[in-house]
Amino acid sequence: MNNLRLNLTPELFFDDNISLDKYLFEGEAVYKPVKVLALGATYRFVGNVQDNQDTEYLNRIAFSATVKNDFNRFEPLFRLRYSNYADDEITDKEFIRYKTSLKYDIANCKITPFVGIEAFQQLSDNELYKIRYALGFKYKMFKNNYIGCNYNLDYYLQELRNKHIFSLTYKIRL
């Protein structure tokens, strides 16, 4: 079935001391009824390793609708997502997440840069909780193998704190 894609993603997160801080396993099903629209359902199991306490286990779900289309070398994207999480600090709230991003396919180059912004609206009080700014690129190593580098800034609107997230990724498309 060409219109259905299944993704399994394990992730490990380390703290400043390079000790395991969190791990997660994510399963996602994405269905494309038409070329520009993708509908997704995601389940995420999270283990938060805590000092001097038992590991905290969390179950997360999300449902999304994504619209994207290529215009010459540009690929704009808009995603609307319902989720029962925004980050580890809030565990019992529901959110609507609005994401827009733009990728650019550089001619004769294996690097694809992108920028994006995502707003997290907390449903219980109908306010924006945080905004995530994203910047990064992916590099095509060889057929169906990619590495990526991302920087995210989580800007919290109700608190005086920000979160800086750097990530390196490796993807194989089967």
Protein backbone atom coordinates (compact mmCIF):
# COMPACT_ATOMS: atom_id res chain seq x y z
CA MET A 1 0.00 0.00 0.00
CA ASN A 2 1.86 3.11 -1.27
CA ASN A 3 -0.34 5.58 0.62
CA LEU A 4 0.51 4.20 4.07
CA ARG A 5 3.83 4.65 5.87
CA LEU A 6 4.83 3.20 9.25
CA ASN A 7 7.67 4.73 11.26
CA LEU A 8 9.42 3.32 14.33
CA THR A 9 11.79 5.69 16.09
CA PRO A 10 13.95 4.98 19.15
CA GLU A 11 15.65 7.99 20.77
CA LEU A 12 18.11 8.47 23.62
CA PHE A 13 18.64 11.79 25.42
CA PHE A 14 21.69 12.60 27.52
CA ASP A 15 22.28 15.32 30.09
CA ASP A 16 25.31 17.61 30.40
CA ASN A 17 27.31 14.82 32.07
CA ILE A 18 26.57 12.44 29.18
CA SER A 19 24.39 10.32 31.45
CA LEU A 20 21.15 8.85 30.11
CA ASP A 21 18.41 11.37 30.88
CA LYS A 22 15.47 10.06 28.87
CA TYR A 23 14.62 7.43 26.29
CA LEU A 24 11.62 7.02 24.07
CA PHE A 25 10.11 4.71 21.50
CA GLU A 26 7.73 6.19 18.97
CA GLY A 27 5.44 4.49 16.50
CA GLU A 28 3.65 6.44 13.80
CA ALA A 29 1.22 5.60 11.01
CA VAL A 30 0.85 8.14 8.20
CA TYR A 31 -1.80 7.87 5.49
CA LYS A 32 -1.77 10.04 2.35
CA PRO A 33 -5.27 10.16 0.80
CA VAL A 34 -4.01 12.72 -1.77
CA LYS A 35 -0.53 13.89 -2.75
CA VAL A 36 -0.48 17.10 -0.66
CA LEU A 37 -2.23 15.80 2.50
CA ALA A 38 -0.93 13.38 5.15
CA LEU A 39 -2.95 12.18 8.16
CA GLY A 40 -1.00 10.75 11.07
CA ALA A 41 -1.43 8.99 14.39
CA THR A 42 1.48 8.67 16.82
CA TYR A 43 2.10 6.75 20.04
CA ARG A 44 5.16 7.57 22.16
CA PHE A 45 6.43 5.67 25.21
CA VAL A 46 8.80 7.79 27.32
CA GLY A 47 11.09 6.77 30.17
CA ASN A 48 12.36 9.71 32.24
CA VAL A 49 15.36 8.57 34.26
CA GLN A 50 15.38 10.50 37.55
CA ASP A 51 18.14 10.84 40.13
CA ASN A 52 17.28 9.21 43.48
CA GLN A 53 13.78 8.29 42.28
CA ASP A 54 12.13 5.61 40.22
CA THR A 55 12.08 6.14 36.47
CA GLU A 56 8.92 7.93 35.37
CA TYR A 57 7.04 6.29 32.46
CA LEU A 58 4.73 8.31 30.22
CA ASN A 59 2.40 7.41 27.36
CA ARG A 60 1.82 10.06 24.71
CA ILE A 61 -0.50 10.25 21.71
CA ALA A 62 -0.86 12.67 18.82
CA PHE A 63 -3.06 13.03 15.74
CA SER A 64 -2.06 15.30 12.88
CA ALA A 65 -2.97 16.65 9.45
CA THR A 66 -0.10 17.93 7.29
CA VAL A 67 -0.30 19.84 4.03
CA LYS A 68 2.84 20.25 1.91
CA ASN A 69 3.67 20.74 -1.74
CA ASP A 70 6.77 21.52 -3.80
CA PHE A 71 7.04 24.89 -5.55
CA ASN A 72 10.14 24.85 -7.73
CA ARG A 73 12.87 24.13 -5.15
CA PHE A 74 10.84 25.23 -2.11
CA GLU A 75 8.74 22.90 0.04
CA PRO A 76 6.41 24.76 2.42
CA LEU A 77 4.59 22.73 5.07
CA PHE A 78 1.71 23.37 7.47
CA ARG A 79 0.80 20.87 10.19
CA LEU A 80 -2.07 20.91 12.68
CA ARG A 81 -1.61 18.45 15.54
CA TYR A 82 -3.54 17.44 18.65
CA SER A 83 -1.33 16.01 21.40
CA ASN A 84 -1.52 15.20 25.09
CA TYR A 85 1.97 16.62 25.71
CA ALA A 86 4.20 19.60 24.94
CA ASP A 87 7.26 18.74 27.02
CA ASP A 88 8.24 16.87 30.17
CA GLU A 89 7.18 19.61 32.59
CA ILE A 90 3.46 19.35 31.81
CA THR A 91 2.11 15.81 31.86
CA ASP A 92 -1.67 16.22 32.12
CA LYS A 93 -2.61 18.85 29.52
CA GLU A 94 -3.84 18.73 25.95
CA PHE A 95 -2.48 20.90 23.15
CA ILE A 96 -3.17 21.98 19.61
CA ARG A 97 0.13 22.55 17.82
CA TYR A 98 0.44 24.73 14.72
CA LYS A 99 3.61 24.20 12.72
CA THR A 100 4.85 25.81 9.55
CA SER A 101 8.22 25.20 7.92
CA LEU A 102 10.08 25.74 4.70
CA LYS A 103 12.72 23.50 3.08
CA TYR A 104 14.89 24.50 0.15
CA ASP A 105 16.40 22.01 -2.30
CA ILE A 106 19.75 23.49 -3.38
CA ALA A 107 20.54 22.56 -7.00
CA ASN A 108 23.28 19.92 -7.36
CA CYS A 109 23.84 19.83 -3.60
CA LYS A 110 23.23 17.05 -1.07
CA ILE A 111 22.33 19.55 1.68
CA THR A 112 18.69 20.57 2.26
CA PRO A 113 18.28 23.46 4.75
CA PHE A 114 15.03 24.26 6.57
CA VAL A 115 13.48 26.77 8.97
CA GLY A 116 10.31 26.39 10.99
CA ILE A 117 8.11 27.69 13.76
CA GLU A 118 5.58 25.83 15.93
CA ALA A 119 3.06 27.30 18.39
CA PHE A 120 1.73 25.18 21.28
CA GLN A 121 -1.80 26.17 22.37
CA GLN A 122 -2.90 24.72 25.71
CA LEU A 123 -6.56 23.71 25.39
CA SER A 124 -7.52 23.95 29.08
CA ASP A 125 -6.98 27.71 29.27
CA ASN A 126 -6.89 28.50 25.53
CA GLU A 127 -3.51 30.26 25.74
CA LEU A 128 -0.25 29.81 23.91
CA TYR A 129 2.16 27.83 26.09
CA LYS A 130 5.35 28.11 24.05
CA ILE A 131 6.74 28.74 20.59
CA ARG A 132 9.43 26.54 19.06
CA TYR A 133 11.79 28.00 16.48
CA ALA A 134 13.73 25.50 14.35
CA LEU A 135 16.71 25.73 12.03
CA GLY A 136 18.69 22.92 10.46
CA PHE A 137 19.62 20.81 7.49
CA LYS A 138 19.75 17.25 6.26
CA TYR A 139 22.58 15.80 4.20
CA LYS A 140 22.06 12.90 1.79
CA MET A 141 25.04 10.58 2.29
CA PHE A 142 24.05 8.00 -0.31
CA LYS A 143 20.87 6.24 -1.45
CA ASN A 144 18.20 6.42 1.30
CA ASN A 145 20.72 7.41 4.02
CA TYR A 146 20.64 10.86 5.60
CA ILE A 147 22.22 12.70 8.48
CA GLY A 148 20.76 15.86 9.95
CA CYS A 149 21.64 18.65 12.31
CA ASN A 150 18.95 20.72 14.03
CA TYR A 151 18.72 23.57 16.51
CA ASN A 152 15.44 24.27 18.31
CA LEU A 153 14.67 27.14 20.66
CA ASP A 154 11.66 26.59 22.92
CA TYR A 155 10.47 30.04 24.00
CA TYR A 156 8.06 29.79 26.94
CA LEU A 157 5.48 32.56 26.96
CA GLN A 158 4.30 32.32 30.59
CA GLU A 159 7.71 31.75 32.22
CA LEU A 160 11.13 33.36 32.17
CA ARG A 161 12.99 30.43 30.66
CA ASN A 162 14.04 29.09 27.29
CA LYS A 163 15.22 25.68 26.21
CA HIS A 164 17.96 25.21 23.60
CA ILE A 165 17.91 21.83 21.85
CA PHE A 166 20.64 20.58 19.52
CA SER A 167 20.18 17.28 17.73
CA LEU A 168 22.04 15.05 15.31
CA THR A 169 20.01 12.48 13.42
CA TYR A 170 20.61 9.55 11.13
CA LYS A 171 17.79 8.26 8.92
CA ILE A 172 17.46 5.23 6.69
CA ARG A 173 14.47 5.12 4.36
CA LEU A 174 13.42 1.56 3.59
